[in-house]
């Protein structure tokens, strides 16, 4: 009975402090407004679409946040890593500087990955190889597969072929080009 009393005491303590472990997500309209303001001020802001996190089983290819940023006229935004092998291959075939209407999610059947089209420019291309710089990927060779950095309005979209979460700055640095670093 001593163990049962201790278990109940621990359970009560955890339950009473549960609010400290509750994640408070930023609603989409507020997050987009924060991105628009950050773009104007030049202050960096990181947004994560946690509902589409490949690290938690998501496809890494929903367009809800992208569409909201474009509608709001957000500038100086980098969004990624968006998983779309067909889009990365098409951008690679077109080459840096190409302008066309990008068709996102044209080959997917995932429930939350709706097709979306938008004028785009290819800013950079990469084989997707990078070496992790921080955390659990530090010093470890990683792959995103063939990748592209696209400009859609004021949003730069990092597109990779292999599904993965944006976990290291090396992923975006692999897509950086000399003339498009702003």
Protein backbone atom coordinates (compact mmCIF):
# COMPACT_ATOMS: atom_id res chain seq x y z
CA UNK A 1 0.00 0.00 0.00
CA UNK A 2 3.01 2.28 0.47
CA UNK A 3 3.76 2.15 -3.29
CA UNK A 4 0.14 2.91 -4.17
CA UNK A 5 0.14 5.99 -1.94
CA UNK A 6 3.35 7.23 -3.55
CA UNK A 7 1.92 6.62 -7.04
CA UNK A 8 -1.20 8.62 -6.15
CA UNK A 9 0.91 11.43 -4.70
CA UNK A 10 3.03 11.59 -7.87
CA UNK A 11 -0.04 11.45 -10.10
CA UNK A 12 -1.66 14.32 -8.16
CA UNK A 13 1.52 16.41 -8.44
CA UNK A 14 1.80 15.85 -12.20
CA UNK A 15 -1.89 16.56 -12.74
CA UNK A 16 -1.78 19.80 -10.74
CA UNK A 17 1.15 21.10 -12.81
CA UNK A 18 -0.21 20.01 -16.21
CA UNK A 19 -0.71 23.61 -17.41
CA UNK A 20 3.06 24.10 -17.37
CA UNK A 21 3.33 21.44 -20.09
CA UNK A 22 0.52 22.68 -22.34
CA UNK A 23 1.65 24.02 -25.69
CA UNK A 24 0.06 27.27 -26.75
CA UNK A 25 -0.04 27.45 -30.52
CA UNK A 26 -0.29 30.74 -32.38
CA UNK A 27 -3.45 30.95 -34.51
CA UNK A 28 -2.76 31.19 -38.25
CA UNK A 29 -3.97 34.80 -38.75
CA UNK A 30 -1.81 36.02 -35.85
CA UNK A 31 1.21 34.04 -37.07
CA UNK A 32 0.87 35.46 -40.58
CA UNK A 33 0.59 39.01 -39.21
CA UNK A 34 3.74 38.39 -37.15
CA UNK A 35 5.52 37.24 -40.34
CA UNK A 36 4.36 40.31 -42.26
CA UNK A 37 5.61 42.60 -39.48
CA UNK A 38 8.91 40.74 -39.22
CA UNK A 39 9.41 41.11 -42.97
CA UNK A 40 8.92 44.86 -42.67
CA UNK A 41 11.24 45.25 -39.70
CA UNK A 42 13.93 42.85 -40.86
CA UNK A 43 13.68 40.89 -37.60
CA UNK A 44 13.95 37.13 -38.04
CA UNK A 45 10.88 35.05 -37.22
CA UNK A 46 10.50 31.30 -37.42
CA UNK A 47 7.10 29.76 -38.06
CA UNK A 48 6.53 26.03 -37.85
CA UNK A 49 3.50 24.29 -39.28
CA UNK A 50 3.36 21.82 -36.40
CA UNK A 51 0.32 20.06 -37.84
CA UNK A 52 2.41 19.01 -40.84
CA UNK A 53 5.67 18.08 -39.10
CA UNK A 54 7.33 15.12 -40.88
CA UNK A 55 9.07 14.35 -37.58
CA UNK A 56 5.62 13.54 -36.18
CA UNK A 57 4.30 11.72 -39.25
CA UNK A 58 3.12 14.69 -41.37
CA UNK A 59 3.77 14.85 -45.09
CA UNK A 60 5.67 18.15 -45.06
CA UNK A 61 3.57 19.38 -47.96
CA UNK A 62 0.50 21.26 -46.79
CA UNK A 63 -0.02 24.66 -48.41
CA UNK A 64 -2.25 26.38 -45.82
CA UNK A 65 0.53 28.50 -44.31
CA UNK A 66 2.06 29.26 -47.73
CA UNK A 67 -1.29 30.43 -49.13
CA UNK A 68 -1.95 32.61 -46.06
CA UNK A 69 1.49 34.25 -46.33
CA UNK A 70 1.00 34.95 -50.03
CA UNK A 71 -2.50 36.38 -49.47
CA UNK A 72 -1.13 38.69 -46.76
CA UNK A 73 1.67 39.93 -49.03
CA UNK A 74 4.37 38.72 -46.64
CA UNK A 75 7.92 39.59 -47.72
CA UNK A 76 11.34 38.16 -46.86
CA UNK A 77 9.88 34.85 -45.70
CA UNK A 78 11.61 31.50 -46.08
CA UNK A 79 9.33 28.49 -45.78
CA UNK A 80 10.53 24.93 -45.78
CA UNK A 81 11.31 22.22 -46.13
CA UNK A 82 8.36 21.52 -48.43
CA UNK A 83 8.38 17.92 -49.65
CA UNK A 84 7.58 17.63 -53.35
CA UNK A 85 9.92 15.48 -55.49
CA UNK A 86 8.11 16.32 -58.74
CA UNK A 87 8.36 20.07 -58.09
CA UNK A 88 12.07 19.81 -57.21
CA UNK A 89 12.72 17.79 -60.39
CA UNK A 90 10.83 20.26 -62.56
CA UNK A 91 12.71 23.22 -61.07
CA UNK A 92 15.98 21.40 -61.68
CA UNK A 93 15.09 20.70 -65.31
CA UNK A 94 14.12 24.36 -65.84
CA UNK A 95 17.28 25.73 -64.20
CA UNK A 96 18.18 28.72 -62.06
CA UNK A 97 16.42 31.88 -63.18
CA UNK A 98 13.52 30.07 -64.84
CA UNK A 99 10.08 31.54 -64.32
CA UNK A 100 6.94 29.43 -64.63
CA UNK A 101 3.76 28.48 -62.81
CA UNK A 102 4.82 26.01 -60.15
CA UNK A 103 2.37 23.20 -59.46
CA UNK A 104 2.72 21.99 -55.88
CA UNK A 105 1.40 18.58 -54.80
CA UNK A 106 0.51 17.50 -58.33
CA UNK A 107 1.37 13.84 -57.64
CA UNK A 108 0.17 13.33 -54.08
CA UNK A 109 -2.89 11.59 -52.74
CA UNK A 110 -2.39 12.68 -49.13
CA UNK A 111 -5.54 14.06 -47.54
CA UNK A 112 -4.15 17.40 -46.39
CA UNK A 113 -1.80 18.12 -49.31
CA UNK A 114 -4.02 20.01 -51.73
CA UNK A 115 -2.70 20.97 -55.16
CA UNK A 116 -1.69 24.62 -55.49
CA UNK A 117 -0.32 26.68 -58.39
CA UNK A 118 1.56 29.96 -58.22
CA UNK A 119 4.04 31.86 -60.42
CA UNK A 120 7.56 31.03 -59.30
CA UNK A 121 11.21 31.69 -60.07
CA UNK A 122 13.99 29.15 -59.47
CA UNK A 123 16.55 30.87 -57.23
CA UNK A 124 18.87 27.96 -56.43
CA UNK A 125 19.27 24.22 -56.97
CA UNK A 126 21.05 21.60 -54.91
CA UNK A 127 21.62 17.89 -54.69
CA UNK A 128 20.30 18.33 -51.15
CA UNK A 129 23.44 17.10 -49.39
CA UNK A 130 24.45 19.01 -46.27
CA UNK A 131 26.32 18.51 -43.03
CA UNK A 132 24.36 19.21 -39.89
CA UNK A 133 25.50 22.20 -37.87
CA UNK A 134 23.52 21.92 -34.65
CA UNK A 135 21.86 19.55 -32.25
CA UNK A 136 21.44 15.91 -33.13
CA UNK A 137 22.57 16.41 -36.75
CA UNK A 138 25.79 18.30 -35.92
CA UNK A 139 28.67 16.99 -37.99
CA UNK A 140 26.56 14.31 -39.66
CA UNK A 141 26.10 14.14 -43.44
CA UNK A 142 22.41 14.47 -44.32
CA UNK A 143 20.31 14.35 -47.52
CA UNK A 144 17.19 16.19 -48.65
CA UNK A 145 17.42 14.71 -52.13
CA UNK A 146 17.31 16.95 -55.19
CA UNK A 147 16.16 20.34 -53.90
CA UNK A 148 15.25 23.81 -55.09
CA UNK A 149 14.75 27.26 -53.64
CA UNK A 150 11.79 28.95 -55.32
CA UNK A 151 10.54 32.53 -55.10
CA UNK A 152 6.74 32.75 -54.89
CA UNK A 153 5.79 36.37 -54.33
CA UNK A 154 7.55 37.49 -51.17
CA UNK A 155 8.06 33.90 -50.01
CA UNK A 156 11.10 31.76 -50.70
CA UNK A 157 10.05 28.13 -50.65
CA UNK A 158 12.69 25.49 -49.92
CA UNK A 159 11.60 22.30 -51.69
CA UNK A 160 13.16 18.90 -51.02
CA UNK A 161 12.59 15.45 -52.45
CA UNK A 162 13.00 13.43 -49.27
CA UNK A 163 10.42 13.99 -46.54
CA UNK A 164 11.97 15.55 -43.45
CA UNK A 165 11.42 18.31 -40.96
CA UNK A 166 13.42 21.52 -41.05
CA UNK A 167 15.83 20.61 -38.31
CA UNK A 168 19.13 22.26 -39.18
CA UNK A 169 20.35 25.52 -40.79
CA UNK A 170 22.42 23.39 -43.18
CA UNK A 171 19.25 22.46 -45.04
CA UNK A 172 18.63 26.06 -46.06
CA UNK A 173 22.31 26.83 -46.58
CA UNK A 174 22.45 24.00 -49.13
CA UNK A 175 19.98 26.08 -51.16
CA UNK A 176 21.64 29.44 -50.80
CA UNK A 177 23.01 31.09 -53.91
CA UNK A 178 25.39 34.02 -54.02
CA UNK A 179 22.99 36.43 -55.73
CA UNK A 180 19.90 35.43 -53.71
CA UNK A 181 20.99 35.60 -50.06
CA UNK A 182 18.62 38.32 -48.85
